[in-house]
PDB file of all heavy atoms in Angstrom:
ATOM      1  N   PHE A   1     104.369  79.859 118.934  1.00  0.00           N
ATOM      2  CA  PHE A   1     105.467  80.213 118.063  1.00  0.00           C
ATOM      3  C   PHE A   1     106.545  80.995 118.742  1.00  0.00           C
ATOM      4  O   PHE A   1     107.501  81.517 118.062  1.00  0.00           O
ATOM      5  CB  PHE A   1     104.946  80.995 116.836  1.00  0.00           C
ATOM      6  CG  PHE A   1     104.154  80.151 115.850  1.00  0.00           C
ATOM      7  CD1 PHE A   1     102.771  80.320 115.812  1.00  0.00           C
ATOM      8  CD2 PHE A   1     104.734  79.258 115.027  1.00  0.00           C
ATOM      9  CE1 PHE A   1     101.994  79.550 114.957  1.00  0.00           C
ATOM     10  CE2 PHE A   1     104.023  78.479 114.141  1.00  0.00           C
ATOM     11  CZ  PHE A   1     102.677  78.658 114.081  1.00  0.00           C
ATOM     12  N   GLY A   2     106.483  81.098 120.055  1.00  0.00           N
ATOM     13  CA  GLY A   2     107.517  81.756 120.834  1.00  0.00           C
ATOM     14  C   GLY A   2     107.573  83.239 120.643  1.00  0.00           C
ATOM     15  O   GLY A   2     108.652  83.875 120.805  1.00  0.00           O
ATOM     16  N   MET A   3     106.466  83.851 120.326  1.00  0.00           N
ATOM     17  CA  MET A   3     106.455  85.314 120.161  1.00  0.00           C
ATOM     18  C   MET A   3     105.779  86.075 121.309  1.00  0.00           C
ATOM     19  O   MET A   3     105.585  87.296 121.200  1.00  0.00           O
ATOM     20  CB  MET A   3     105.663  85.561 118.864  1.00  0.00           C
ATOM     21  CG  MET A   3     106.242  85.027 117.609  1.00  0.00           C
ATOM     22  SD  MET A   3     105.235  85.260 116.172  1.00  0.00           S
ATOM     23  CE  MET A   3     105.272  87.050 116.040  1.00  0.00           C
ATOM     24  N   GLU A   4     105.532  85.343 122.414  1.00  0.00           N
ATOM     25  CA  GLU A   4     104.858  86.003 123.539  1.00  0.00           C
ATOM     26  C   GLU A   4     105.842  87.047 124.156  1.00  0.00           C
ATOM     27  O   GLU A   4     106.975  86.669 124.450  1.00  0.00           O
ATOM     28  CB  GLU A   4     104.484  84.960 124.527  1.00  0.00           C
ATOM     29  CG  GLU A   4     103.670  85.530 125.747  1.00  0.00           C
ATOM     30  CD  GLU A   4     103.232  84.394 126.696  1.00  0.00           C
ATOM     31  OE1 GLU A   4     103.787  83.287 126.598  1.00  0.00           O
ATOM     32  OE2 GLU A   4     102.416  84.712 127.568  1.00  0.00           O
ATOM     33  N   GLY A   5     105.356  88.242 124.425  1.00  0.00           N
ATOM     34  CA  GLY A   5     106.151  89.284 124.999  1.00  0.00           C
ATOM     35  C   GLY A   5     107.055  90.046 124.023  1.00  0.00           C
ATOM     36  O   GLY A   5     107.644  91.090 124.463  1.00  0.00           O
ATOM     37  N   LEU A   6     107.091  89.637 122.719  1.00  0.00           N
ATOM     38  CA  LEU A   6     107.897  90.353 121.787  1.00  0.00           C
ATOM     39  C   LEU A   6     107.162  91.565 121.230  1.00  0.00           C
ATOM     40  O   LEU A   6     107.863  92.504 120.756  1.00  0.00           O
ATOM     41  CB  LEU A   6     108.325  89.414 120.602  1.00  0.00           C
ATOM     42  CG  LEU A   6     109.229  88.182 120.997  1.00  0.00           C
ATOM     43  CD1 LEU A   6     109.445  87.352 119.764  1.00  0.00           C
ATOM     44  CD2 LEU A   6     110.481  88.607 121.573  1.00  0.00           C
ATOM     45  N   LEU A   7     105.846  91.526 121.231  1.00  0.00           N
ATOM     46  CA  LEU A   7     105.066  92.620 120.647  1.00  0.00           C
ATOM     47  C   LEU A   7     104.255  93.292 121.794  1.00  0.00           C
ATOM     48  O   LEU A   7     104.016  92.720 122.791  1.00  0.00           O
ATOM     49  CB  LEU A   7     104.130  92.091 119.610  1.00  0.00           C
ATOM     50  CG  LEU A   7     104.803  91.390 118.403  1.00  0.00           C
ATOM     51  CD1 LEU A   7     103.729  90.809 117.490  1.00  0.00           C
ATOM     52  CD2 LEU A   7     105.636  92.376 117.660  1.00  0.00           C
ATOM     53  N   PRO A   8     103.911  94.589 121.610  1.00  0.00           N
ATOM     54  CA  PRO A   8     103.076  95.274 122.593  1.00  0.00           C
ATOM     55  C   PRO A   8     101.772  94.556 122.803  1.00  0.00           C
ATOM     56  O   PRO A   8     101.270  93.816 121.967  1.00  0.00           O
ATOM     57  CB  PRO A   8     102.872  96.686 121.945  1.00  0.00           C
ATOM     58  CG  PRO A   8     103.999  96.830 121.032  1.00  0.00           C
ATOM     59  CD  PRO A   8     104.312  95.461 120.527  1.00  0.00           C
ATOM     60  N   GLU A   9     101.163  94.789 123.966  1.00  0.00           N
ATOM     61  CA  GLU A   9      99.968  94.090 124.350  1.00  0.00           C
ATOM     62  C   GLU A   9      98.751  94.400 123.432  1.00  0.00           C
ATOM     63  O   GLU A   9      97.781  93.593 123.293  1.00  0.00           O
ATOM     64  CB  GLU A   9      99.573  94.402 125.793  1.00  0.00           C
ATOM     65  CG  GLU A   9     100.568  93.873 126.839  1.00  0.00           C
ATOM     66  CD  GLU A   9     100.161  94.131 128.212  1.00  0.00           C
ATOM     67  OE1 GLU A   9      99.105  94.798 128.415  1.00  0.00           O
ATOM     68  OE2 GLU A   9     100.907  93.711 129.141  1.00  0.00           O
ATOM     69  N   PHE A  10      98.744  95.630 122.814  1.00  0.00           N
ATOM     70  CA  PHE A  10      97.570  96.011 122.008  1.00  0.00           C
ATOM     71  C   PHE A  10      97.626  95.357 120.641  1.00  0.00           C
ATOM     72  O   PHE A  10      96.659  95.343 119.860  1.00  0.00           O
ATOM     73  CB  PHE A  10      97.562  97.537 121.844  1.00  0.00           C
ATOM     74  CG  PHE A  10      98.691  98.122 120.996  1.00  0.00           C
ATOM     75  CD1 PHE A  10      98.657  98.156 119.675  1.00  0.00           C
ATOM     76  CD2 PHE A  10      99.797  98.580 121.665  1.00  0.00           C
ATOM     77  CE1 PHE A  10      99.678  98.708 118.927  1.00  0.00           C
ATOM     78  CE2 PHE A  10     100.863  99.129 120.958  1.00  0.00           C
ATOM     79  CZ  PHE A  10     100.788  99.169 119.586  1.00  0.00           C
ATOM     80  N   VAL A  11      98.797  94.753 120.244  1.00  0.00           N
ATOM     81  CA  VAL A  11      98.964  94.162 118.905  1.00  0.00           C
ATOM     82  C   VAL A  11      97.937  93.020 118.660  1.00  0.00           C
ATOM     83  O   VAL A  11      97.272  92.977 117.649  1.00  0.00           O
ATOM     84  CB  VAL A  11     100.375  93.724 118.626  1.00  0.00           C
ATOM     85  CG1 VAL A  11     100.434  92.961 117.355  1.00  0.00           C
ATOM     86  CG2 VAL A  11     101.268  94.924 118.596  1.00  0.00           C
ATOM     87  N   PRO A  12      97.804  92.055 119.612  1.00  0.00           N
ATOM     88  CA  PRO A  12      96.769  90.929 119.360  1.00  0.00           C
ATOM     89  C   PRO A  12      95.407  91.456 119.205  1.00  0.00           C
ATOM     90  O   PRO A  12      94.638  90.952 118.267  1.00  0.00           O
ATOM     91  CB  PRO A  12      96.894  90.108 120.672  1.00  0.00           C
ATOM     92  CG  PRO A  12      98.294  90.337 121.119  1.00  0.00           C
ATOM     93  CD  PRO A  12      98.551  91.798 120.805  1.00  0.00           C
ATOM     94  N   PHE A  13      95.043  92.511 119.873  1.00  0.00           N
ATOM     95  CA  PHE A  13      93.625  93.054 119.706  1.00  0.00           C
ATOM     96  C   PHE A  13      93.516  93.725 118.329  1.00  0.00           C
ATOM     97  O   PHE A  13      92.476  93.553 117.653  1.00  0.00           O
ATOM     98  CB  PHE A  13      93.320  94.031 120.874  1.00  0.00           C
ATOM     99  CG  PHE A  13      91.927  94.634 120.730  1.00  0.00           C
ATOM    100  CD1 PHE A  13      90.876  93.929 121.140  1.00  0.00           C
ATOM    101  CD2 PHE A  13      91.805  95.927 120.245  1.00  0.00           C
ATOM    102  CE1 PHE A  13      89.603  94.482 121.003  1.00  0.00           C
ATOM    103  CE2 PHE A  13      90.523  96.473 120.045  1.00  0.00           C
ATOM    104  CZ  PHE A  13      89.428  95.751 120.464  1.00  0.00           C
ATOM    105  N   MET A  14      94.504  94.455 117.964  1.00  0.00           N
ATOM    106  CA  MET A  14      94.502  95.102 116.611  1.00  0.00           C
ATOM    107  C   MET A  14      94.440  94.059 115.543  1.00  0.00           C
ATOM    108  O   MET A  14      93.712  94.188 114.511  1.00  0.00           O
ATOM    109  CB  MET A  14      95.700  96.069 116.429  1.00  0.00           C
ATOM    110  CG  MET A  14      95.709  97.233 117.352  1.00  0.00           C
ATOM    111  SD  MET A  14      94.255  98.336 117.065  1.00  0.00           S
ATOM    112  CE  MET A  14      94.534  98.775 115.406  1.00  0.00           C
ATOM    113  N   LEU A  15      95.198  93.007 115.697  1.00  0.00           N
ATOM    114  CA  LEU A  15      95.224  91.899 114.718  1.00  0.00           C
ATOM    115  C   LEU A  15      93.800  91.260 114.695  1.00  0.00           C
ATOM    116  O   LEU A  15      93.288  90.904 113.563  1.00  0.00           O
ATOM    117  CB  LEU A  15      96.208  90.862 115.071  1.00  0.00           C
ATOM    118  CG  LEU A  15      97.698  91.288 114.794  1.00  0.00           C
ATOM    119  CD1 LEU A  15      98.626  90.184 115.337  1.00  0.00           C
ATOM    120  CD2 LEU A  15      97.963  91.523 113.322  1.00  0.00           C
ATOM    121  N   SER A  16      93.150  91.126 115.796  1.00  0.00           N
ATOM    122  CA  SER A  16      91.856  90.528 115.903  1.00  0.00           C
ATOM    123  C   SER A  16      90.825  91.392 115.100  1.00  0.00           C
ATOM    124  O   SER A  16      90.100  90.869 114.278  1.00  0.00           O
ATOM    125  CB  SER A  16      91.411  90.432 117.349  1.00  0.00           C
ATOM    126  OG  SER A  16      90.028  90.015 117.427  1.00  0.00           O
ATOM    127  N   VAL A  17      90.833  92.640 115.332  1.00  0.00           N
ATOM    128  CA  VAL A  17      89.897  93.578 114.661  1.00  0.00           C
ATOM    129  C   VAL A  17      90.211  93.576 113.137  1.00  0.00           C
ATOM    130  O   VAL A  17      89.287  93.571 112.308  1.00  0.00           O
ATOM    131  CB  VAL A  17      89.915  94.946 115.278  1.00  0.00           C
ATOM    132  CG1 VAL A  17      89.047  95.920 114.446  1.00  0.00           C
ATOM    133  CG2 VAL A  17      89.535  94.929 116.714  1.00  0.00           C
ATOM    134  N   SER A  18      91.483  93.651 112.811  1.00  0.00           N
ATOM    135  CA  SER A  18      91.876  93.741 111.363  1.00  0.00           C
ATOM    136  C   SER A  18      91.515  92.470 110.648  1.00  0.00           C
ATOM    137  O   SER A  18      91.035  92.486 109.481  1.00  0.00           O
ATOM    138  CB  SER A  18      93.388  93.922 111.293  1.00  0.00           C
ATOM    139  OG  SER A  18      93.782  95.232 111.884  1.00  0.00           O
ATOM    140  N   LEU A  19      91.724  91.288 111.274  1.00  0.00           N
ATOM    141  CA  LEU A  19      91.299  90.011 110.659  1.00  0.00           C
ATOM    142  C   LEU A  19      89.814  89.976 110.466  1.00  0.00           C
ATOM    143  O   LEU A  19      89.321  89.492 109.439  1.00  0.00           O
ATOM    144  CB  LEU A  19      91.784  88.868 111.530  1.00  0.00           C
ATOM    145  CG  LEU A  19      91.562  87.531 110.939  1.00  0.00           C
ATOM    146  CD1 LEU A  19      92.289  87.322 109.598  1.00  0.00           C
ATOM    147  CD2 LEU A  19      92.075  86.423 111.957  1.00  0.00           C
ATOM    148  N   ALA A  20      89.061  90.414 111.455  1.00  0.00           N
ATOM    149  CA  ALA A  20      87.617  90.416 111.301  1.00  0.00           C
ATOM    150  C   ALA A  20      87.141  91.318 110.148  1.00  0.00           C
ATOM    151  O   ALA A  20      86.315  90.906 109.358  1.00  0.00           O
ATOM    152  CB  ALA A  20      86.923  90.892 112.641  1.00  0.00           C
ATOM    153  N   ALA A  21      87.784  92.481 110.063  1.00  0.00           N
ATOM    154  CA  ALA A  21      87.401  93.398 109.007  1.00  0.00           C
ATOM    155  C   ALA A  21      87.809  92.888 107.574  1.00  0.00           C
ATOM    156  O   ALA A  21      87.043  92.925 106.663  1.00  0.00           O
ATOM    157  CB  ALA A  21      88.107  94.750 109.227  1.00  0.00           C
ATOM    158  N   LEU A  22      88.993  92.213 107.513  1.00  0.00           N
ATOM    159  CA  LEU A  22      89.502  91.727 106.255  1.00  0.00           C
ATOM    160  C   LEU A  22      88.552  90.556 105.801  1.00  0.00           C
ATOM    161  O   LEU A  22      88.090  90.587 104.629  1.00  0.00           O
ATOM    162  CB  LEU A  22      90.838  91.193 106.449  1.00  0.00           C
ATOM    163  CG  LEU A  22      91.519  90.522 105.216  1.00  0.00           C
ATOM    164  CD1 LEU A  22      91.613  91.519 104.100  1.00  0.00           C
ATOM    165  CD2 LEU A  22      92.907  89.957 105.506  1.00  0.00           C
ATOM    166  N   GLU A  23      88.220  89.621 106.676  1.00  0.00           N
ATOM    167  CA  GLU A  23      87.337  88.544 106.282  1.00  0.00           C
ATOM    168  C   GLU A  23      85.986  88.953 105.938  1.00  0.00           C
ATOM    169  O   GLU A  23      85.385  88.509 104.917  1.00  0.00           O
ATOM    170  CB  GLU A  23      87.365  87.434 107.391  1.00  0.00           C
ATOM    171  CG  GLU A  23      88.595  86.691 107.594  1.00  0.00           C
ATOM    172  CD  GLU A  23      88.520  85.644 108.695  1.00  0.00           C
ATOM    173  OE1 GLU A  23      87.499  85.607 109.344  1.00  0.00           O
ATOM    174  OE2 GLU A  23      89.463  84.803 108.723  1.00  0.00           O
ATOM    175  N   PHE A  24      85.414  89.869 106.726  1.00  0.00           N
ATOM    176  CA  PHE A  24      84.028  90.336 106.506  1.00  0.00           C
ATOM    177  C   PHE A  24      83.959  91.049 105.170  1.00  0.00           C
ATOM    178  O   PHE A  24      83.071  90.819 104.366  1.00  0.00           O
ATOM    179  CB  PHE A  24      83.564  91.217 107.617  1.00  0.00           C
ATOM    180  CG  PHE A  24      82.155  91.632 107.516  1.00  0.00           C
ATOM    181  CD1 PHE A  24      81.205  90.739 107.984  1.00  0.00           C
ATOM    182  CD2 PHE A  24      81.763  92.823 106.981  1.00  0.00           C
ATOM    183  CE1 PHE A  24      79.818  91.091 107.971  1.00  0.00           C
ATOM    184  CE2 PHE A  24      80.441  93.165 106.929  1.00  0.00           C
ATOM    185  CZ  PHE A  24      79.443  92.332 107.430  1.00  0.00           C
ATOM    186  N   CYS A  25      84.918  91.907 104.881  1.00  0.00           N
ATOM    187  CA  CYS A  25      84.881  92.768 103.682  1.00  0.00           C
ATOM    188  C   CYS A  25      85.143  91.890 102.461  1.00  0.00           C
ATOM    189  O   CYS A  25      84.551  92.065 101.391  1.00  0.00           O
ATOM    190  CB  CYS A  25      85.900  93.916 103.765  1.00  0.00           C
ATOM    191  SG  CYS A  25      85.385  95.165 104.915  1.00  0.00           S
ATOM    192  N   LEU A  26      86.109  90.994 102.503  1.00  0.00           N
ATOM    193  CA  LEU A  26      86.418  90.098 101.388  1.00  0.00           C
ATOM    194  C   LEU A  26      85.101  89.264 101.092  1.00  0.00           C
ATOM    195  O   LEU A  26      84.800  89.111  99.884  1.00  0.00           O
ATOM    196  CB  LEU A  26      87.573  89.217 101.704  1.00  0.00           C
ATOM    197  CG  LEU A  26      88.931  89.764 101.649  1.00  0.00           C
ATOM    198  CD1 LEU A  26      90.046  88.760 102.042  1.00  0.00           C
ATOM    199  CD2 LEU A  26      89.269  90.399 100.301  1.00  0.00           C
ATOM    200  N   GLY A  27      84.511  88.718 102.055  1.00  0.00           N
ATOM    201  CA  GLY A  27      83.239  87.925 101.843  1.00  0.00           C
ATOM    202  C   GLY A  27      82.133  88.830 101.213  1.00  0.00           C
ATOM    203  O   GLY A  27      81.470  88.358 100.323  1.00  0.00           O
ATOM    204  N   LEU A  28      82.050  90.032 101.747  1.00  0.00           N
ATOM    205  CA  LEU A  28      81.022  90.925 101.289  1.00  0.00           C
ATOM    206  C   LEU A  28      81.304  91.343  99.801  1.00  0.00           C
ATOM    207  O   LEU A  28      80.418  91.341  98.918  1.00  0.00           O
ATOM    208  CB  LEU A  28      80.981  92.194 102.157  1.00  0.00           C
ATOM    209  CG  LEU A  28      79.696  92.998 102.189  1.00  0.00           C
ATOM    210  CD1 LEU A  28      78.557  92.105 102.778  1.00  0.00           C
ATOM    211  CD2 LEU A  28      79.822  94.237 103.047  1.00  0.00           C
ATOM    212  N   TYR A  29      82.535  91.604  99.468  1.00  0.00           N
ATOM    213  CA  TYR A  29      82.996  91.998  98.112  1.00  0.00           C
ATOM    214  C   TYR A  29      82.735  90.819  97.166  1.00  0.00           C
ATOM    215  O   TYR A  29      82.191  90.991  96.060  1.00  0.00           O
ATOM    216  CB  TYR A  29      84.412  92.362  98.084  1.00  0.00           C
ATOM    217  CG  TYR A  29      84.740  93.747  98.507  1.00  0.00           C
ATOM    218  CD1 TYR A  29      83.852  94.459  99.302  1.00  0.00           C
ATOM    219  CD2 TYR A  29      85.927  94.403  98.140  1.00  0.00           C
ATOM    220  CE1 TYR A  29      84.153  95.747  99.752  1.00  0.00           C
ATOM    221  CE2 TYR A  29      86.223  95.694  98.508  1.00  0.00           C
ATOM    222  CZ  TYR A  29      85.323  96.305  99.329  1.00  0.00           C
ATOM    223  OH  TYR A  29      85.680  97.626  99.731  1.00  0.00           O
ATOM    224  N   LEU A  30      83.093  89.617  97.616  1.00  0.00           N
ATOM    225  CA  LEU A  30      82.890  88.467  96.739  1.00  0.00           C
ATOM    226  C   LEU A  30      81.412  88.148  96.476  1.00  0.00           C
ATOM    227  O   LEU A  30      81.018  87.815  95.413  1.00  0.00           O
ATOM    228  CB  LEU A  30      83.572  87.244  97.344  1.00  0.00           C
ATOM    229  CG  LEU A  30      83.555  85.992  96.465  1.00  0.00           C
ATOM    230  CD1 LEU A  30      84.319  86.200  95.193  1.00  0.00           C
ATOM    231  CD2 LEU A  30      84.215  84.796  97.229  1.00  0.00           C
ATOM    232  N   PHE A  31      80.626  88.361  97.539  1.00  0.00           N
ATOM    233  CA  PHE A  31      79.198  88.082  97.369  1.00  0.00           C
ATOM    234  C   PHE A  31      78.570  89.016  96.342  1.00  0.00           C
ATOM    235  O   PHE A  31      77.755  88.614  95.561  1.00  0.00           O
ATOM    236  CB  PHE A  31      78.521  88.279  98.749  1.00  0.00           C
ATOM    237  CG  PHE A  31      77.023  87.912  98.775  1.00  0.00           C
ATOM    238  CD1 PHE A  31      76.667  86.576  99.078  1.00  0.00           C
ATOM    239  CD2 PHE A  31      76.039  88.842  98.513  1.00  0.00           C
ATOM    240  CE1 PHE A  31      75.340  86.265  99.075  1.00  0.00           C
ATOM    241  CE2 PHE A  31      74.759  88.514  98.478  1.00  0.00           C
ATOM    242  CZ  PHE A  31      74.304  87.226  98.803  1.00  0.00           C
TER     243      PHE A  31
END
């Protein structure tokens, strides 16, 4: 999407952890 270099390097890692937490907790809550 042409966003490489626009954000700090730690942002992808934070998005990775946040996405994992969001999906895991939503699944847990729904269960």
